[in-house]
Amino acid sequence: MKLNADDYRVSKGKSVKLDKWPTLVKPVYASKAQYQQLLAEHVARLSALQQLQYASNRYALLLIFQAMDAAGKDGAIKHVMSGVNPQGCQVFSFKHPSAEELDHDFLWRTNQCLPERGRIGIFNRSYYEEVLIVRVHPELLRSEDLPDDGHEPKALWKDRYRSIVQMEDHLTRNGTRIVKFFLHLSKDEQRKRFLARIDEPDKNWKFSQADMAERGFWDDYMTAYEECLSATSSRAAPWYVVPADDKENARLIVSHIVLETLGGLKMSYPKSDANRRQELQTLRQQLVK
């Protein structure tokens, strides 16, 4: 099966119904060995492209991962980015905001972590939590001490969608390319993975009562994700709904999309002019002596 990134991309303005998007598709690999070979090829190409990105120093790349618990965000990041030079890649995970962060606007804490030109930044969860978990658990909104302007709740989310889209447009105009992945996991596959975390001792640390409690809000999260994906996928910063019931296939899809994005950028190694070449020859002569 040949990968086509457009099969997973949410078109701008498209109304997303997640029950119409598959959580499992025919894999692009025929065996475990072929999966490992394909992933290794993707990782090697990604490493070379990131080196070119770093040398070119013209673009930053921001990768955003959102998903329900146990969808495989950590594994995708670990396997896909395994060959990238750590100097050129930064990973941030966002948990409950601190008191200082709550005293700022909802984009402030993540904006401190945006990647520099020449680097790849990865957000394991992101500012999108402010229209997902905060929407499912509106009591969290009270801790943000927002002014009471008498707005309807729906207006608040629309305002936040607009702020996000405008911010992403601004970043794009200034050299940051943004790719957003929603790892689309089925509720039944989540159940199986939760059971594995209980039954396998070395995975016990991955599971808690809080995870079980969040599972009870599954339908609410699906509604929040549908509206979020519909409102914030754009040409500049697209969302990709990646079938996540097969972890290996999901990693290949993610790595393919990242490669396609980086490969589409106009990048080149810095060229030396006559003065620079003369300088290098002078330095060479000094080294030879």
Protein backbone atom coordinates (compact mmCIF):
# COMPACT_ATOMS: atom_id res chain seq x y z
CA MET A 1 0.00 0.00 0.00
CA LYS A 2 1.37 3.40 -1.00
CA LEU A 3 1.10 6.21 1.51
CA ASN A 4 -0.77 9.35 0.50
CA ALA A 5 -0.72 12.11 3.10
CA ASP A 6 -3.89 13.66 1.71
CA ASP A 7 -5.85 10.58 2.80
CA TYR A 8 -5.37 11.69 6.41
CA ARG A 9 -5.43 15.46 6.05
CA VAL A 10 -8.40 17.47 7.30
CA SER A 11 -9.30 19.96 4.59
CA LYS A 12 -9.82 23.56 5.62
CA GLY A 13 -13.45 24.14 6.54
CA LYS A 14 -14.30 20.44 6.51
CA SER A 15 -16.74 19.31 9.20
CA VAL A 16 -15.12 16.35 10.94
CA LYS A 17 -17.14 13.38 12.18
CA LEU A 18 -14.64 11.04 13.79
CA ASP A 19 -16.86 7.99 13.49
CA LYS A 20 -16.40 8.39 9.72
CA TRP A 21 -12.60 8.37 10.00
CA PRO A 22 -10.99 4.91 10.39
CA THR A 23 -8.92 3.96 13.42
CA LEU A 24 -7.44 1.03 11.47
CA VAL A 25 -6.41 0.81 7.80
CA LYS A 26 -4.56 -1.69 5.65
CA PRO A 27 -0.92 -1.50 6.78
CA VAL A 28 1.81 -0.22 4.49
CA TYR A 29 4.11 -3.02 5.65
CA ALA A 30 3.75 -6.75 5.07
CA SER A 31 5.81 -8.00 8.02
CA LYS A 32 7.56 -6.86 11.17
CA ALA A 33 10.88 -6.95 9.33
CA GLN A 34 9.56 -4.75 6.54
CA TYR A 35 8.11 -2.31 9.07
CA GLN A 36 11.52 -1.99 10.72
CA GLN A 37 13.20 -1.51 7.35
CA LEU A 38 10.73 1.16 6.24
CA LEU A 39 10.97 3.01 9.55
CA ALA A 40 14.78 2.90 9.41
CA GLU A 41 14.68 4.38 5.91
CA HIS A 42 12.31 7.12 7.02
CA VAL A 43 14.45 7.91 10.07
CA ALA A 44 17.64 8.11 7.98
CA ARG A 45 16.01 10.47 5.47
CA LEU A 46 14.57 12.57 8.28
CA SER A 47 17.99 12.86 9.92
CA ALA A 48 19.52 14.07 6.64
CA LEU A 49 16.72 16.58 6.07
CA GLN A 50 17.00 17.90 9.61
CA GLN A 51 20.71 18.44 9.12
CA LEU A 52 19.93 20.41 5.97
CA GLN A 53 17.25 22.35 7.89
CA TYR A 54 19.77 23.16 10.63
CA ALA A 55 22.41 24.33 8.14
CA SER A 56 19.92 26.32 6.08
CA ASN A 57 18.58 28.03 9.23
CA ARG A 58 15.54 29.35 7.40
CA TYR A 59 12.62 27.29 8.70
CA ALA A 60 11.43 25.88 12.01
CA LEU A 61 9.15 22.85 12.11
CA LEU A 62 6.56 22.42 14.85
CA LEU A 63 4.97 18.97 15.25
CA ILE A 64 1.91 18.75 17.50
CA PHE A 65 0.60 15.44 18.85
CA GLN A 66 -2.86 15.16 20.39
CA ALA A 67 -4.75 11.99 21.27
CA MET A 68 -6.68 10.09 23.86
CA ASP A 69 -4.69 8.18 26.49
CA ALA A 70 -2.78 5.12 25.20
CA ALA A 71 -3.00 6.21 21.55
CA GLY A 72 0.78 6.02 21.15
CA LYS A 73 2.00 9.63 21.17
CA ASP A 74 5.15 8.83 23.16
CA GLY A 75 5.98 5.83 21.00
CA ALA A 76 5.48 7.74 17.76
CA ILE A 77 7.76 10.54 18.92
CA LYS A 78 10.38 8.09 20.20
CA HIS A 79 10.53 5.92 17.08
CA VAL A 80 10.08 8.54 14.37
CA MET A 81 12.58 11.00 15.85
CA SER A 82 15.10 8.39 17.02
CA GLY A 83 17.71 9.32 14.39
CA VAL A 84 17.51 13.10 14.64
CA ASN A 85 20.47 14.94 16.16
CA PRO A 86 19.36 16.03 19.66
CA GLN A 87 20.83 19.49 18.96
CA GLY A 88 18.23 19.96 16.24
CA CYS A 89 15.16 18.67 18.06
CA GLN A 90 13.27 19.78 21.16
CA VAL A 91 10.41 17.87 22.82
CA PHE A 92 7.98 19.43 25.30
CA SER A 93 5.15 17.80 27.22
CA PHE A 94 2.52 20.03 28.77
CA LYS A 95 0.81 18.99 31.99
CA HIS A 96 -1.32 21.00 34.39
CA PRO A 97 -0.37 24.71 34.14
CA SER A 98 1.51 26.40 36.97
CA ALA A 99 0.25 29.43 38.90
CA GLU A 100 2.48 31.70 36.80
CA GLU A 101 1.17 30.19 33.57
CA LEU A 102 -2.43 30.62 34.68
CA ASP A 103 -1.78 34.34 35.14
CA HIS A 104 -1.11 34.69 31.41
CA ASP A 105 -3.22 34.11 28.31
CA PHE A 106 -3.78 30.49 27.33
CA LEU A 107 -1.14 30.54 24.56
CA TRP A 108 1.64 32.04 26.66
CA ARG A 109 3.20 28.93 28.21
CA THR A 110 3.49 27.02 24.94
CA ASN A 111 4.78 30.02 23.03
CA GLN A 112 7.82 30.02 25.32
CA CYS A 113 8.74 26.64 23.83
CA LEU A 114 8.37 27.31 20.11
CA PRO A 115 11.27 25.98 18.02
CA GLU A 116 13.98 28.23 16.67
CA ARG A 117 14.72 28.38 12.96
CA GLY A 118 16.75 25.35 11.96
CA ARG A 119 15.14 23.11 14.57
CA ILE A 120 12.22 20.73 14.99
CA GLY A 121 9.97 21.35 17.98
CA ILE A 122 7.62 18.64 19.21
CA PHE A 123 4.64 19.32 21.46
CA ASN A 124 3.34 16.21 23.22
CA ARG A 125 -0.03 17.76 23.93
CA SER A 126 -0.14 21.50 23.37
CA TYR A 127 -2.18 24.70 23.51
CA TYR A 128 -4.99 22.60 22.04
CA GLU A 129 -5.59 21.23 25.54
CA GLU A 130 -7.25 24.59 26.20
CA VAL A 131 -10.08 23.70 23.83
CA LEU A 132 -10.13 20.00 24.66
CA ILE A 133 -9.62 19.02 28.31
CA VAL A 134 -10.72 22.47 29.49
CA ARG A 135 -13.87 22.13 27.42
CA VAL A 136 -14.62 18.64 28.76
CA HIS A 137 -13.85 19.81 32.31
CA PRO A 138 -15.14 23.40 32.44
CA GLU A 139 -14.26 23.63 36.13
CA LEU A 140 -10.64 24.05 34.98
CA LEU A 141 -11.63 27.30 33.34
CA ARG A 142 -12.35 28.89 36.71
CA SER A 143 -8.69 28.61 37.69
CA GLU A 144 -7.78 30.85 34.75
CA ASP A 145 -9.59 33.82 36.33
CA LEU A 146 -10.89 35.14 33.03
CA PRO A 147 -12.95 38.35 33.05
CA ASP A 148 -16.67 37.75 33.19
CA ASP A 149 -17.93 39.36 30.00
CA GLY A 150 -21.18 37.47 29.95
CA HIS A 151 -20.20 35.48 26.85
CA GLU A 152 -21.85 32.18 26.08
CA PRO A 153 -19.53 29.15 26.46
CA LYS A 154 -19.68 28.43 22.72
CA ALA A 155 -18.41 31.94 22.02
CA LEU A 156 -15.39 31.29 24.25
CA TRP A 157 -14.34 28.22 22.25
CA LYS A 158 -14.86 30.01 18.94
CA ASP A 159 -12.72 32.89 20.20
CA ARG A 160 -9.99 30.46 21.19
CA TYR A 161 -10.13 28.69 17.83
CA ARG A 162 -9.73 32.08 16.16
CA SER A 163 -6.78 32.99 18.39
CA ILE A 164 -5.09 29.67 17.58
CA VAL A 165 -5.58 29.98 13.83
CA GLN A 166 -4.32 33.56 13.80
CA MET A 167 -1.28 32.62 15.87
CA GLU A 168 -0.46 29.70 13.59
CA ASP A 169 -0.83 31.93 10.53
CA HIS A 170 1.58 34.41 12.13
CA LEU A 171 4.13 31.68 12.82
CA THR A 172 3.85 30.38 9.26
CA ARG A 173 4.50 33.83 7.82
CA ASN A 174 7.64 33.99 9.93
CA GLY A 175 9.15 30.68 8.88
CA THR A 176 7.59 28.06 11.17
CA ARG A 177 5.89 25.15 9.46
CA ILE A 178 3.24 23.48 11.62
CA VAL A 179 1.97 19.91 11.28
CA LYS A 180 -0.65 18.58 13.70
CA PHE A 181 -1.38 14.91 14.34
CA PHE A 182 -4.49 13.51 15.99
CA LEU A 183 -3.78 9.83 16.68
CA HIS A 184 -7.23 8.34 16.20
CA LEU A 185 -7.68 5.41 18.59
CA SER A 186 -10.81 3.30 18.99
CA LYS A 187 -12.36 2.95 22.43
CA ASP A 188 -12.01 -0.83 22.26
CA GLU A 189 -8.30 -0.63 21.40
CA GLN A 190 -7.80 1.76 24.32
CA ARG A 191 -9.43 -0.84 26.59
CA LYS A 192 -6.99 -3.50 25.35
CA ARG A 193 -4.00 -1.26 25.94
CA PHE A 194 -5.21 -0.32 29.40
CA LEU A 195 -5.56 -4.02 30.23
CA ALA A 196 -2.01 -4.62 29.01
CA ARG A 197 -0.79 -1.84 31.30
CA ILE A 198 -2.40 -3.65 34.22
CA ASP A 199 -1.34 -7.18 33.26
CA GLU A 200 2.28 -6.42 32.33
CA PRO A 201 4.29 -5.33 35.40
CA ASP A 202 6.71 -3.16 33.44
CA LYS A 203 3.75 -1.15 32.14
CA ASN A 204 1.97 -0.66 35.49
CA TRP A 205 3.45 2.81 35.89
CA LYS A 206 1.63 3.95 32.73
CA PHE A 207 -1.86 3.47 34.18
CA SER A 208 -3.75 5.27 36.94
CA GLN A 209 -7.24 5.85 38.27
CA ALA A 210 -7.19 9.23 36.51
CA ASP A 211 -6.78 7.48 33.15
CA MET A 212 -9.81 5.34 33.90
CA ALA A 213 -11.82 8.39 34.95
CA GLU A 214 -10.99 10.22 31.69
CA ARG A 215 -12.17 7.21 29.70
CA GLY A 216 -15.63 7.89 31.10
CA PHE A 217 -15.66 11.19 29.18
CA TRP A 218 -14.93 9.53 25.83
CA ASP A 219 -17.98 10.89 23.98
CA ASP A 220 -17.37 14.40 25.31
CA TYR A 221 -13.78 14.27 24.09
CA MET A 222 -14.85 13.06 20.64
CA THR A 223 -17.21 16.03 20.35
CA ALA A 224 -14.47 18.43 21.48
CA TYR A 225 -11.98 16.95 19.02
CA GLU A 226 -14.45 17.07 16.14
CA GLU A 227 -15.14 20.77 16.62
CA CYS A 228 -11.47 21.55 17.20
CA LEU A 229 -10.25 19.72 14.10
CA SER A 230 -13.00 21.28 12.00
CA ALA A 231 -12.25 24.82 13.19
CA THR A 232 -8.44 24.83 13.22
CA SER A 233 -7.19 22.80 10.27
CA SER A 234 -5.82 25.18 7.67
CA ARG A 235 -3.59 25.12 4.61
CA ALA A 236 -0.79 26.61 6.67
CA ALA A 237 -1.22 24.34 9.70
CA PRO A 238 -3.14 21.19 8.74
CA TRP A 239 -4.47 18.48 11.01
CA TYR A 240 -3.86 14.85 10.08
CA VAL A 241 -6.16 12.19 11.54
CA VAL A 242 -3.86 9.18 11.82
CA PRO A 243 -5.42 5.72 12.37
CA ALA A 244 -3.76 4.61 15.62
CA ASP A 245 -5.07 1.11 16.39
CA ASP A 246 -1.95 -0.23 14.64
CA LYS A 247 0.99 1.53 16.32
CA GLU A 248 3.56 0.54 13.72
CA ASN A 249 1.44 1.72 10.82
CA ALA A 250 0.71 4.99 12.62
CA ARG A 251 4.44 5.63 13.01
CA LEU A 252 5.05 5.09 9.30
CA ILE A 253 2.21 7.45 8.40
CA VAL A 254 3.54 10.12 10.77
CA SER A 255 7.12 9.79 9.53
CA HIS A 256 5.96 9.94 5.90
CA ILE A 257 4.05 13.18 6.53
CA VAL A 258 6.99 14.75 8.37
CA LEU A 259 9.33 13.79 5.51
CA GLU A 260 6.93 15.20 2.94
CA THR A 261 6.68 18.47 4.88
CA LEU A 262 10.43 18.93 5.36
CA GLY A 263 11.20 17.79 1.83
CA GLY A 264 8.83 20.40 0.43
CA LEU A 265 10.72 23.31 1.97
CA LYS A 266 13.15 25.37 -0.10
CA MET A 267 16.36 24.60 1.76
CA SER A 268 20.01 24.45 0.74
CA TYR A 269 23.40 24.39 2.36
CA PRO A 270 25.06 27.84 2.63
CA LYS A 271 27.20 28.57 -0.42
CA SER A 272 30.68 30.08 -0.22
CA ASP A 273 31.48 33.17 -2.26
CA ALA A 274 34.92 33.98 -3.65
CA ASN A 275 36.05 35.77 -0.47
CA ARG A 276 34.94 32.86 1.69
CA ARG A 277 36.70 30.32 -0.52
CA GLN A 278 39.90 32.39 -0.37
CA GLU A 279 39.58 32.55 3.42
CA LEU A 280 39.20 28.77 3.61
CA GLN A 281 42.25 28.21 1.39
CA THR A 282 44.31 30.48 3.63
CA LEU A 283 43.17 28.53 6.68
CA ARG A 284 43.96 25.27 4.89
CA GLN A 285 47.49 26.38 4.16
CA GLN A 286 47.98 27.25 7.83
CA LEU A 287 46.76 23.80 8.84
CA VAL A 288 49.03 22.06 6.33
CA LYS A 289 52.06 23.94 7.63
